[in-house]
Amino acid sequence: MQSKYQTGDTVRILQRNQPGHVRTPIYVRGKTGVVERIVGSFPNPELLAYGHAGLPYKVLYRVNFKQLELWPDYDGAPGDVLEIEIYDHWLAPAGEDSR
């Protein structure tokens, strides 16, 4: 499966209020991060959770977020990051609307 994003790309996490089983934490939705690496292609866990085959496969990325982007009152080092693995159907280029 072809990757839409490459290491170093800045992405925005889509702002969805989707009910049910999702692997994208609420606290990163609408936030901007940087692709740290491409993990690979896997069955969609949001479909697997409901007994479906999880097809088509989705590309999984590891995305770095600055702690200050996630938590405005963060008092750690300015360069601290949080890494989260997020599937491509939750990502958009950083300049696009996050809905």
Protein backbone atom coordinates (compact mmCIF):
# COMPACT_ATOMS: atom_id res chain seq x y z
CA MET A 1 0.00 0.00 0.00
CA GLN A 2 1.30 3.44 -0.96
CA SER A 3 1.97 5.94 1.86
CA LYS A 4 0.36 9.37 1.52
CA TYR A 5 2.88 10.92 3.90
CA GLN A 6 6.62 10.62 4.36
CA THR A 7 8.92 10.98 7.34
CA GLY A 8 9.14 14.67 8.25
CA ASP A 9 5.73 15.64 6.81
CA THR A 10 3.59 17.87 9.02
CA VAL A 11 0.07 16.49 9.43
CA ARG A 12 -3.10 17.47 11.20
CA ILE A 13 -5.26 14.92 12.98
CA LEU A 14 -8.85 15.04 11.82
CA GLN A 15 -11.39 16.39 14.28
CA ARG A 16 -14.03 13.66 14.35
CA ASN A 17 -16.45 12.85 17.13
CA GLN A 18 -16.87 9.31 15.94
CA PRO A 19 -18.58 6.95 18.39
CA GLY A 20 -17.39 3.42 18.97
CA HIS A 21 -13.95 1.88 18.87
CA VAL A 22 -11.27 4.23 17.53
CA ARG A 23 -7.53 4.27 18.24
CA THR A 24 -7.07 8.02 17.86
CA PRO A 25 -7.13 9.75 21.27
CA ILE A 26 -9.41 12.75 21.65
CA TYR A 27 -6.54 14.92 22.94
CA VAL A 28 -4.69 14.76 19.59
CA ARG A 29 -7.70 15.40 17.34
CA GLY A 30 -7.35 18.74 15.57
CA LYS A 31 -3.67 18.96 16.57
CA THR A 32 -0.61 19.17 14.34
CA GLY A 33 2.29 16.74 14.45
CA VAL A 34 5.21 15.48 12.38
CA VAL A 35 5.46 12.01 10.85
CA GLU A 36 8.35 10.28 12.62
CA ARG A 37 8.13 7.09 10.56
CA ILE A 38 5.88 4.84 8.50
CA VAL A 39 5.08 1.75 10.56
CA GLY A 40 3.44 -0.31 7.80
CA SER A 41 0.05 -1.38 6.44
CA PHE A 42 -2.43 -3.24 8.61
CA PRO A 43 -6.10 -4.17 8.72
CA ASN A 44 -8.25 -1.29 9.98
CA PRO A 45 -8.72 -1.93 13.74
CA GLU A 46 -11.87 0.20 13.79
CA LEU A 47 -13.50 -2.39 11.51
CA LEU A 48 -11.87 -5.40 13.16
CA ALA A 49 -13.42 -4.35 16.48
CA TYR A 50 -16.86 -5.02 15.02
CA GLY A 51 -16.07 -8.38 13.46
CA HIS A 52 -15.27 -7.16 9.94
CA ALA A 53 -12.18 -8.14 7.95
CA GLY A 54 -10.55 -4.71 8.39
CA LEU A 55 -10.15 -4.23 4.65
CA PRO A 56 -8.80 -2.35 2.91
CA TYR A 57 -5.51 -2.20 4.80
CA LYS A 58 -4.57 1.20 6.21
CA VAL A 59 -1.11 2.75 6.53
CA LEU A 60 -0.05 3.33 10.13
CA TYR A 61 2.25 6.25 10.96
CA ARG A 62 4.11 7.22 14.11
CA VAL A 63 3.44 10.92 14.65
CA ASN A 64 5.33 13.20 17.06
CA PHE A 65 3.46 15.96 18.86
CA LYS A 66 5.11 18.71 20.87
CA GLN A 67 3.86 18.42 24.43
CA LEU A 68 3.17 22.16 24.41
CA GLU A 69 0.87 21.66 21.38
CA LEU A 70 -1.15 19.10 23.31
CA TRP A 71 -1.09 20.61 26.78
CA PRO A 72 -0.81 24.45 26.91
CA ASP A 73 0.14 24.36 30.61
CA TYR A 74 2.89 21.77 30.09
CA ASP A 75 5.89 22.79 32.22
CA GLY A 76 8.48 20.29 30.96
CA ALA A 77 11.25 20.95 28.47
CA PRO A 78 10.07 22.80 25.32
CA GLY A 79 11.41 20.04 23.07
CA ASP A 80 9.49 17.22 24.77
CA VAL A 81 7.30 15.20 22.41
CA LEU A 82 4.67 12.49 22.57
CA GLU A 83 4.70 9.80 19.88
CA ILE A 84 1.42 8.18 18.86
CA GLU A 85 0.68 5.69 16.10
CA ILE A 86 -2.19 6.91 13.92
CA TYR A 87 -3.78 5.43 10.80
CA ASP A 88 -3.84 7.43 7.56
CA HIS A 89 -7.61 7.86 7.47
CA TRP A 90 -7.24 10.16 10.50
CA LEU A 91 -4.59 12.37 8.87
CA ALA A 92 -4.66 15.42 6.58
CA PRO A 93 -1.88 17.71 5.39
CA ALA A 94 -1.29 20.36 8.07
CA GLY A 95 -2.71 23.18 5.95
CA GLU A 96 -6.10 21.49 5.35
CA ASP A 97 -9.29 21.77 7.38
CA SER A 98 -9.26 19.21 10.20
CA ARG A 99 -12.87 17.97 9.84
